[in-house]
C-alpha atoms as a PDB file:
ATOM      1  CA  MET A   1      25.570   4.062   1.674  1.00  0.00           C
ATOM      2  CA  GLY A   2      24.182   5.341  -1.625  1.00  0.00           C
ATOM      3  CA  LEU A   3      26.422   3.097  -3.715  1.00  0.00           C
ATOM      4  CA  SER A   4      25.493   0.028  -1.700  1.00  0.00           C
ATOM      5  CA  LEU A   5      21.770   0.808  -2.078  1.00  0.00           C
ATOM      6  CA  ILE A   6      22.191   1.168  -5.847  1.00  0.00           C
ATOM      7  CA  ALA A   7      24.072  -2.124  -5.978  1.00  0.00           C
ATOM      8  CA  MET A   8      21.391  -3.868  -3.904  1.00  0.00           C
ATOM      9  CA  GLU A   9      18.579  -2.426  -6.023  1.00  0.00           C
ATOM     10  CA  THR A  10      20.303  -3.533  -9.231  1.00  0.00           C
ATOM     11  CA  LEU A  11      21.034  -6.961  -7.796  1.00  0.00           C
ATOM     12  CA  GLY A  12      17.401  -7.541  -6.816  1.00  0.00           C
ATOM     13  CA  ASP A  13      15.738  -5.968  -9.867  1.00  0.00           C
ATOM     14  CA  PHE A  14      13.659  -8.210 -12.101  1.00  0.00           C
ATOM     15  CA  ALA A  15      11.361  -6.154 -14.326  1.00  0.00           C
ATOM     16  CA  THR A  16      14.056  -4.210 -16.204  1.00  0.00           C
ATOM     17  CA  VAL A  17      16.401  -7.121 -16.831  1.00  0.00           C
ATOM     18  CA  ASN A  18      13.482  -9.337 -17.834  1.00  0.00           C
ATOM     19  CA  TYR A  19      12.216  -6.722 -20.307  1.00  0.00           C
ATOM     20  CA  PHE A  20      15.609  -6.436 -21.982  1.00  0.00           C
ATOM     21  CA  ALA A  21      16.167 -10.234 -21.819  1.00  0.00           C
ATOM     22  CA  VAL A  22      19.273  -9.979 -19.649  1.00  0.00           C
ATOM     23  CA  ASN A  23      19.876 -13.099 -17.588  1.00  0.00           C
ATOM     24  CA  THR A  24      20.760 -12.319 -13.976  1.00  0.00           C
ATOM     25  CA  LEU A  25      20.506 -14.126 -10.657  1.00  0.00           C
ATOM     26  CA  THR A  26      17.049 -12.623 -10.175  1.00  0.00           C
ATOM     27  CA  THR A  27      15.733 -14.045 -13.435  1.00  0.00           C
ATOM     28  CA  ALA A  28      17.346 -17.367 -12.551  1.00  0.00           C
ATOM     29  CA  VAL A  29      15.377 -17.430  -9.287  1.00  0.00           C
ATOM     30  CA  TYR A  30      12.101 -16.713 -11.090  1.00  0.00           C
ATOM     31  CA  ASN A  31      12.717 -19.209 -13.898  1.00  0.00           C
ATOM     32  CA  THR A  32      13.814 -21.956 -11.506  1.00  0.00           C
ATOM     33  CA  TRP A  33      10.824 -21.484  -9.257  1.00  0.00           C
ATOM     34  CA  LEU A  34       7.973 -20.632 -11.642  1.00  0.00           C
ATOM     35  CA  GLU A  35       8.960 -22.392 -14.870  1.00  0.00           C
ATOM     36  CA  LEU A  36      10.947 -25.400 -13.633  1.00  0.00           C
ATOM     37  CA  GLY A  37       8.904 -25.732 -10.436  1.00  0.00           C
ATOM     38  CA  SER A  38      11.945 -26.271  -8.243  1.00  0.00           C
ATOM     39  CA  LEU A  39      11.171 -24.503  -4.983  1.00  0.00           C
ATOM     40  CA  ALA A  40      14.264 -26.017  -3.359  1.00  0.00           C
ATOM     41  CA  THR A  41      16.709 -24.655  -5.953  1.00  0.00           C
ATOM     42  CA  ALA A  42      15.403 -21.079  -5.909  1.00  0.00           C
ATOM     43  CA  PRO A  43      16.471 -20.447  -2.287  1.00  0.00           C
ATOM     44  CA  LYS A  44      19.932 -21.800  -3.080  1.00  0.00           C
ATOM     45  CA  ILE A  45      20.352 -19.226  -5.839  1.00  0.00           C
ATOM     46  CA  SER A  46      18.991 -16.586  -3.484  1.00  0.00           C
ATOM     47  CA  SER A  47      21.664 -17.516  -0.962  1.00  0.00           C
ATOM     48  CA  LEU A  48      24.282 -16.494  -3.537  1.00  0.00           C
ATOM     49  CA  MET A  49      22.591 -13.109  -3.788  1.00  0.00           C
ATOM     50  CA  LEU A  50      22.652 -12.807  -0.008  1.00  0.00           C
ATOM     51  CA  LEU A  51      26.360 -13.599  -0.015  1.00  0.00           C
ATOM     52  CA  VAL A  52      27.018 -10.848  -2.560  1.00  0.00           C
ATOM     53  CA  LEU A  53      24.850  -8.508  -0.494  1.00  0.00           C
ATOM     54  CA  VAL A  54      26.817  -9.214   2.689  1.00  0.00           C
ATOM     55  CA  ILE A  55      30.054  -8.517   0.806  1.00  0.00           C
ATOM     56  CA  LEU A  56      28.699  -5.208  -0.533  1.00  0.00           C
ATOM     57  CA  ILE A  57      27.512  -4.063   2.892  1.00  0.00           C
ATOM     58  CA  SER A  58      30.813  -5.073   4.499  1.00  0.00           C
ATOM     59  CA  LEU A  59      32.826  -3.195   1.885  1.00  0.00           C
ATOM     60  CA  GLU A  60      30.651  -0.105   2.288  1.00  0.00           C
ATOM     61  CA  SER A  61      30.971  -0.208   6.055  1.00  0.00           C
ATOM     62  CA  SER A  62      34.735  -0.746   5.841  1.00  0.00           C
ATOM     63  CA  SER A  63      35.134   2.224   3.514  1.00  0.00           C
ATOM     64  CA  ARG A  64      33.459   4.523   6.042  1.00  0.00           C
ATOM     65  CA  ARG A  65      35.186   3.092   9.105  1.00  0.00           C
ATOM     66  CA  LYS A  66      37.847   5.804   9.309  1.00  0.00           C
ATOM     67  CA  GLN A  67      35.645   8.561   7.973  1.00  0.00           C
ATOM     68  CA  LYS A  68      34.969  10.960  10.823  1.00  0.00           C
ATOM     69  CA  ILE A  69      33.193  14.044   9.518  1.00  0.00           C
ATOM     70  CA  TYR A  70      31.028  15.671  12.133  1.00  0.00           C
ATOM     71  CA  GLN A  71      28.653  18.591  11.911  1.00  0.00           C
ATOM     72  CA  ARG A  72      30.270  21.873  12.867  1.00  0.00           C
ATOM     73  CA  SER A  73      28.310  24.881  13.985  1.00  0.00           C
ATOM     74  CA  GLY A  74      29.089  28.052  12.147  1.00  0.00           C
ATOM     75  CA  ALA A  75      30.408  26.299   9.030  1.00  0.00           C
ATOM     76  CA  THR A  76      28.127  28.044   6.580  1.00  0.00           C
ATOM     77  CA  HIS A  77      30.567  28.458   3.688  1.00  0.00           C
ATOM     78  CA  THR A  78      32.478  25.810   1.809  1.00  0.00           C
ATOM     79  CA  GLU A  79      35.305  26.867  -0.445  1.00  0.00           C
ATOM     80  CA  LEU A  80      35.519  25.387  -3.919  1.00  0.00           C
ATOM     81  CA  ARG A  81      38.529  23.206  -4.590  1.00  0.00           C
ATOM     82  CA  PHE A  82      38.881  24.417  -8.188  1.00  0.00           C
ATOM     83  CA  THR A  83      36.916  26.323 -10.814  1.00  0.00           C
ATOM     84  CA  LEU A  84      36.175  24.943 -14.256  1.00  0.00           C
ATOM     85  CA  ASN A  85      36.666  27.173 -17.257  1.00  0.00           C
ATOM     86  CA  GLY A  86      36.272  26.921 -20.995  1.00  0.00           C
ATOM     87  CA  TRP A  87      35.262  23.675 -22.606  1.00  0.00           C
ATOM     88  CA  LYS A  88      35.593  21.737 -19.328  1.00  0.00           C
ATOM     89  CA  LYS A  89      32.874  23.825 -17.737  1.00  0.00           C
ATOM     90  CA  TRP A  90      30.499  23.310 -20.662  1.00  0.00           C
ATOM     91  CA  ALA A  91      31.311  19.592 -20.853  1.00  0.00           C
ATOM     92  CA  VAL A  92      30.442  19.094 -17.177  1.00  0.00           C
ATOM     93  CA  PHE A  93      27.379  21.327 -17.565  1.00  0.00           C
ATOM     94  CA  THR A  94      26.134  19.329 -20.576  1.00  0.00           C
ATOM     95  CA  PHE A  95      26.785  15.991 -18.882  1.00  0.00           C
ATOM     96  CA  LEU A  96      24.985  16.878 -15.641  1.00  0.00           C
ATOM     97  CA  TRP A  97      21.946  18.421 -17.327  1.00  0.00           C
ATOM     98  CA  GLY A  98      21.845  15.564 -19.847  1.00  0.00           C
ATOM     99  CA  LEU A  99      21.883  13.073 -16.988  1.00  0.00           C
ATOM    100  CA  LEU A 100      19.063  14.953 -15.256  1.00  0.00           C
ATOM    101  CA  PHE A 101      17.071  15.140 -18.481  1.00  0.00           C
ATOM    102  CA  PHE A 102      17.308  11.483 -19.475  1.00  0.00           C
ATOM    103  CA  ALA A 103      17.043  10.104 -15.924  1.00  0.00           C
ATOM    104  CA  PHE A 104      14.257  12.350 -14.589  1.00  0.00           C
ATOM    105  CA  MET A 105      12.732  14.931 -16.934  1.00  0.00           C
ATOM    106  CA  LEU A 106      12.116  12.641 -19.908  1.00  0.00           C
ATOM    107  CA  PRO A 107      10.488   9.793 -17.904  1.00  0.00           C
ATOM    108  CA  ILE A 108       8.354  12.289 -15.978  1.00  0.00           C
ATOM    109  CA  GLY A 109       7.285  13.915 -19.246  1.00  0.00           C
ATOM    110  CA  ILE A 110       6.260  10.556 -20.719  1.00  0.00           C
ATOM    111  CA  LEU A 111       4.281   9.678 -17.593  1.00  0.00           C
ATOM    112  CA  VAL A 112       2.510  13.057 -17.643  1.00  0.00           C
ATOM    113  CA  TYR A 113       1.689  12.581 -21.349  1.00  0.00           C
ATOM    114  CA  TYR A 114       0.075   9.197 -20.715  1.00  0.00           C
ATOM    115  CA  ALA A 115      -1.672  10.483 -17.594  1.00  0.00           C
ATOM    116  CA  VAL A 116      -3.298  13.306 -19.547  1.00  0.00           C
ATOM    117  CA  GLY A 117      -4.136  11.077 -22.519  1.00  0.00           C
ATOM    118  CA  TYR A 118      -5.820   8.409 -20.382  1.00  0.00           C
ATOM    119  CA  PHE A 119      -7.286  10.697 -17.762  1.00  0.00           C
ATOM    120  CA  LYS A 120     -10.901   9.727 -18.491  1.00  0.00           C
ATOM    121  CA  GLU A 121     -10.160   6.033 -18.019  1.00  0.00           C
ATOM    122  CA  SER A 122      -8.801   6.764 -14.528  1.00  0.00           C
ATOM    123  CA  LEU A 123     -11.997   8.415 -13.290  1.00  0.00           C
ATOM    124  CA  ASN A 124     -13.406   5.448 -11.400  1.00  0.00           C
ATOM    125  CA  ILE A 125     -13.913   4.644  -7.757  1.00  0.00           C
ATOM    126  CA  LYS A 126     -11.671   1.571  -7.868  1.00  0.00           C
ATOM    127  CA  LEU A 127      -8.589   3.584  -8.792  1.00  0.00           C
ATOM    128  CA  TRP A 128      -9.136   6.010  -5.907  1.00  0.00           C
ATOM    129  CA  LEU A 129      -9.685   3.072  -3.551  1.00  0.00           C
ATOM    130  CA  PHE A 130      -6.464   1.445  -4.732  1.00  0.00           C
ATOM    131  CA  THR A 131      -4.649   4.757  -4.305  1.00  0.00           C
ATOM    132  CA  LEU A 132      -5.948   5.175  -0.761  1.00  0.00           C
ATOM    133  CA  ASN A 133      -4.960   1.624   0.181  1.00  0.00           C
ATOM    134  CA  SER A 134      -1.490   2.143  -1.281  1.00  0.00           C
ATOM    135  CA  PHE A 135      -1.113   5.412   0.626  1.00  0.00           C
ATOM    136  CA  TRP A 136      -2.054   3.893   3.984  1.00  0.00           C
ATOM    137  CA  LEU A 137       0.090   0.816   3.401  1.00  0.00           C
ATOM    138  CA  ALA A 138       3.085   2.958   2.463  1.00  0.00           C
ATOM    139  CA  SER A 139       2.550   5.187   5.502  1.00  0.00           C
ATOM    140  CA  ILE A 140       2.418   2.223   7.886  1.00  0.00           C
ATOM    141  CA  VAL A 141       5.525   0.565   6.432  1.00  0.00           C
ATOM    142  CA  ALA A 142       7.473   3.841   6.329  1.00  0.00           C
ATOM    143  CA  SER A 143       6.633   4.605   9.952  1.00  0.00           C
ATOM    144  CA  LEU A 144       7.611   1.127  11.143  1.00  0.00           C
ATOM    145  CA  ALA A 145      10.806   1.177   9.072  1.00  0.00           C
ATOM    146  CA  LEU A 146      11.734   4.499  10.661  1.00  0.00           C
ATOM    147  CA  VAL A 147      11.168   3.061  14.136  1.00  0.00           C
ATOM    148  CA  VAL A 148      13.301   0.010  13.319  1.00  0.00           C
ATOM    149  CA  ALA A 149      16.062   2.200  11.884  1.00  0.00           C
ATOM    150  CA  ILE A 150      16.136   4.453  14.956  1.00  0.00           C
ATOM    151  CA  LEU A 151      16.227   1.486  17.346  1.00  0.00           C
ATOM    152  CA  VAL A 152      19.020  -0.441  15.636  1.00  0.00           C
ATOM    153  CA  ASN A 153      21.152   2.646  14.966  1.00  0.00           C
ATOM    154  CA  PHE A 154      20.860   4.014  18.500  1.00  0.00           C
ATOM    155  CA  TYR A 155      21.537   0.518  19.841  1.00  0.00           C
ATOM    156  CA  GLN A 156      24.722   0.417  17.803  1.00  0.00           C
ATOM    157  CA  ARG A 157      25.719   3.922  18.910  1.00  0.00           C
ATOM    158  CA  LEU A 158      25.016   3.485  22.617  1.00  0.00           C
ATOM    159  CA  SER A 159      26.124  -0.157  22.894  1.00  0.00           C
ATOM    160  CA  PRO A 160      28.662  -0.813  20.138  1.00  0.00           C
ATOM    161  CA  GLY A 161      29.535  -4.441  19.626  1.00  0.00           C
ATOM    162  CA  ILE A 162      29.049  -7.500  17.460  1.00  0.00           C
ATOM    163  CA  LEU A 163      25.327  -7.832  18.240  1.00  0.00           C
ATOM    164  CA  ALA A 164      24.697  -4.206  17.292  1.00  0.00           C
ATOM    165  CA  LYS A 165      26.545  -4.608  14.002  1.00  0.00           C
ATOM    166  CA  MET A 166      24.670  -7.824  13.272  1.00  0.00           C
ATOM    167  CA  SER A 167      21.338  -6.069  13.817  1.00  0.00           C
ATOM    168  CA  ILE A 168      22.344  -3.440  11.242  1.00  0.00           C
ATOM    169  CA  ARG A 169      23.392  -6.070   8.727  1.00  0.00           C
ATOM    170  CA  LEU A 170      20.317  -8.267   9.206  1.00  0.00           C
ATOM    171  CA  SER A 171      17.951  -5.316   8.826  1.00  0.00           C
ATOM    172  CA  SER A 172      19.506  -4.566   5.427  1.00  0.00           C
ATOM    173  CA  LEU A 173      19.578  -8.061   3.943  1.00  0.00           C
ATOM    174  CA  GLY A 174      16.079  -8.084   2.480  1.00  0.00           C
ATOM    175  CA  TYR A 175      16.665  -5.194   0.107  1.00  0.00           C
ATOM    176  CA  ALA A 176      18.679  -7.161  -2.466  1.00  0.00           C
ATOM    177  CA  VAL A 177      16.429 -10.226  -2.429  1.00  0.00           C
ATOM    178  CA  PRO A 178      13.705 -10.343  -5.104  1.00  0.00           C
ATOM    179  CA  GLY A 179      10.242  -9.534  -3.842  1.00  0.00           C
ATOM    180  CA  THR A 180       8.905 -12.994  -4.640  1.00  0.00           C
ATOM    181  CA  VAL A 181      11.648 -14.659  -2.605  1.00  0.00           C
ATOM    182  CA  VAL A 182      10.863 -12.362   0.319  1.00  0.00           C
ATOM    183  CA  ALA A 183       7.169 -13.202  -0.051  1.00  0.00           C
ATOM    184  CA  ILE A 184       7.838 -16.933   0.051  1.00  0.00           C
ATOM    185  CA  GLY A 185      10.241 -16.555   2.961  1.00  0.00           C
ATOM    186  CA  VAL A 186       7.583 -14.664   4.923  1.00  0.00           C
ATOM    187  CA  LEU A 187       4.565 -16.687   3.815  1.00  0.00           C
ATOM    188  CA  ILE A 188       5.823 -20.159   4.699  1.00  0.00           C
ATOM    189  CA  PRO A 189       6.570 -19.620   8.429  1.00  0.00           C
ATOM    190  CA  PHE A 190       3.487 -17.480   9.092  1.00  0.00           C
ATOM    191  CA  THR A 191       1.235 -19.962   7.288  1.00  0.00           C
ATOM    192  CA  SER A 192       2.675 -22.747   9.419  1.00  0.00           C
ATOM    193  CA  LEU A 193       2.069 -20.629  12.517  1.00  0.00           C
ATOM    194  CA  ASP A 194      -1.559 -20.029  11.526  1.00  0.00           C
ATOM    195  CA  LEU A 195      -2.139 -23.727  10.933  1.00  0.00           C
ATOM    196  CA  TRP A 196      -0.574 -24.579  14.291  1.00  0.00           C
ATOM    197  CA  ILE A 197      -2.777 -22.017  16.098  1.00  0.00           C
ATOM    198  CA  ASN A 198      -5.929 -23.398  14.429  1.00  0.00           C
ATOM    199  CA  ARG A 199      -5.002 -26.961  15.312  1.00  0.00           C
ATOM    200  CA  GLN A 200      -4.447 -25.997  18.934  1.00  0.00           C
ATOM    201  CA  LEU A 201      -7.802 -24.189  19.088  1.00  0.00           C
ATOM    202  CA  ILE A 202      -9.648 -27.179  17.619  1.00  0.00           C
ATOM    203  CA  GLU A 203      -7.867 -29.532  20.017  1.00  0.00           C
ATOM    204  CA  TYR A 204      -9.033 -27.509  23.026  1.00  0.00           C
ATOM    205  CA  GLY A 205     -12.608 -27.210  21.721  1.00  0.00           C
ATOM    206  CA  PHE A 206     -12.539 -23.711  20.276  1.00  0.00           C
ATOM    207  CA  SER A 207     -13.469 -22.585  16.777  1.00  0.00           C
ATOM    208  CA  ARG A 208     -10.810 -21.763  14.217  1.00  0.00           C
ATOM    209  CA  VAL A 209      -9.700 -18.145  13.733  1.00  0.00           C
ATOM    210  CA  GLY A 210      -8.559 -18.693  10.161  1.00  0.00           C
ATOM    211  CA  LEU A 211      -5.380 -17.236   8.677  1.00  0.00           C
ATOM    212  CA  LEU A 212      -4.685 -14.734  11.427  1.00  0.00           C
ATOM    213  CA  PHE A 213      -1.234 -13.687  10.192  1.00  0.00           C
ATOM    214  CA  SER A 214      -0.784 -14.992   6.652  1.00  0.00           C
ATOM    215  CA  GLY A 215      -4.283 -13.967   5.551  1.00  0.00           C
ATOM    216  CA  SER A 216      -4.267 -10.373   6.808  1.00  0.00           C
ATOM    217  CA  ILE A 217      -2.453  -7.134   6.138  1.00  0.00           C
ATOM    218  CA  PHE A 218       0.059  -8.101   8.814  1.00  0.00           C
ATOM    219  CA  ILE A 219       2.083 -10.334   6.507  1.00  0.00           C
ATOM    220  CA  LEU A 220       2.057  -7.692   3.755  1.00  0.00           C
ATOM    221  CA  VAL A 221       3.379  -5.023   6.113  1.00  0.00           C
ATOM    222  CA  PHE A 222       5.960  -7.452   7.511  1.00  0.00           C
ATOM    223  CA  GLY A 223       7.180  -8.370   4.022  1.00  0.00           C
ATOM    224  CA  TYR A 224       7.511  -4.752   2.932  1.00  0.00           C
ATOM    225  CA  LEU A 225       9.272  -3.949   6.197  1.00  0.00           C
ATOM    226  CA  MET A 226      11.856  -6.643   5.529  1.00  0.00           C
ATOM    227  CA  ARG A 227      12.264  -5.420   1.961  1.00  0.00           C
ATOM    228  CA  PHE A 228      12.755  -1.705   2.561  1.00  0.00           C
ATOM    229  CA  SER A 229      14.184  -1.345   6.063  1.00  0.00           C
ATOM    230  CA  ALA A 230      17.659  -0.973   4.554  1.00  0.00           C
ATOM    231  CA  ILE A 231      16.790   2.453   3.147  1.00  0.00           C
ATOM    232  CA  ALA A 232      15.729   3.836   6.517  1.00  0.00           C
ATOM    233  CA  VAL A 233      18.604   2.165   8.354  1.00  0.00           C
ATOM    234  CA  GLY A 234      21.155   3.560   5.904  1.00  0.00           C
ATOM    235  CA  SER A 235      19.743   7.082   6.079  1.00  0.00           C
ATOM    236  CA  ILE A 236      19.728   7.184   9.885  1.00  0.00           C
ATOM    237  CA  ASP A 237      23.178   5.602  10.024  1.00  0.00           C
ATOM    238  CA  SER A 238      24.657   8.228   7.681  1.00  0.00           C
ATOM    239  CA  SER A 239      23.085  11.049   9.708  1.00  0.00           C
ATOM    240  CA  LEU A 240      24.256   9.692  13.068  1.00  0.00           C
ATOM    241  CA  ALA A 241      27.778   9.235  11.695  1.00  0.00           C
ATOM    242  CA  GLN A 242      28.028  13.035  11.384  1.00  0.00           C
ATOM    243  CA  VAL A 243      27.127  13.619  15.038  1.00  0.00           C
ATOM    244  CA  SER A 244      30.188  14.078  17.200  1.00  0.00           C
ATOM    245  CA  PRO A 245      30.673  11.442  19.948  1.00  0.00           C
ATOM    246  CA  THR A 246      31.333  14.268  22.399  1.00  0.00           C
ATOM    247  CA  LEU A 247      27.567  14.668  22.664  1.00  0.00           C
ATOM    248  CA  ASP A 248      27.302  11.103  23.959  1.00  0.00           C
ATOM    249  CA  LEU A 249      30.107  11.781  26.435  1.00  0.00           C
ATOM    250  CA  ALA A 250      28.340  14.926  27.626  1.00  0.00           C
ATOM    251  CA  ARG A 251      25.121  12.959  28.111  1.00  0.00           C
ATOM    252  CA  SER A 252      26.938  10.304  30.112  1.00  0.00           C
ATOM    253  CA  PHE A 253      28.645  12.974  32.239  1.00  0.00           C
ATOM    254  CA  ILE A 254      25.368  14.732  33.018  1.00  0.00           C
ATOM    255  CA  ARG A 255      23.689  11.430  33.884  1.00  0.00           C
ATOM    256  CA  ALA A 256      26.543  10.396  36.188  1.00  0.00           C
ATOM    257  CA  LYS A 257      26.507  13.795  37.893  1.00  0.00           C
ATOM    258  CA  TYR A 258      22.744  13.575  38.372  1.00  0.00           C
ATOM    259  CA  ILE A 259      23.025  10.110  39.933  1.00  0.00           C
ATOM    260  CA  THR A 260      25.869  11.277  42.196  1.00  0.00           C
ATOM    261  CA  ASN A 261      23.908  14.309  43.427  1.00  0.00           C
ATOM    262  CA  ASN A 262      20.838  12.192  44.213  1.00  0.00           C
ATOM    263  CA  SER A 263      22.860   9.564  46.045  1.00  0.00           C
ATOM    264  CA  THR A 264      24.695  12.133  48.182  1.00  0.00           C
ATOM    265  CA  GLY A 265      21.558  14.172  48.837  1.00  0.00           C
END
């Protein structure tokens, strides 16, 4: 699942490719919509990204179809397949630590340098308010994404079938789509729903409630949930794949025995 998440993140990224002036499908969506003003063409390009996403998810799922590695109690030691010696050991050592340095340590060091250098500018109430809002928003979305991931994965495990697989695939589609496309896809239907609700209230003599869905935090949480549910779904799916199906059979046996005892008693 890790490779598919990397592919989806790269496919839907905009800031990096735009900074280095690399033309991708994401930049094509932004340029078509914002610069050319063609709102009808942007979704068509996005549909190509969705097609690539479906192919990536299908390939990832097919590669793990015959992989049956379950957790085993008592397996506390794993033997090494081979031991590196000489220049091979130092080459691998240099590569891994170099990768860690350039991918994590160096960016963190630069961020810490700027944070210390501009620390005085950050001492304002607005920054702490923005931080608190971001924390609560992230907590809400993470909790809901976890609930969605548990529901769809347990549904697939307990009732395997086409509908269960489709729920897994649909919950992961939003991750590769650019954030702006997700925002438009969420904003249009909920705005139409709000307008319809207000028209119905006015028709029956009530006052308008305003933008109940599209003008509140609801639509923001819903958009983020569509965008990042794939991470939670993939993590739960990988963990459940390591659980032996004998546990499900034992649960079914105990349930059937309990029902039989109650019916005979």
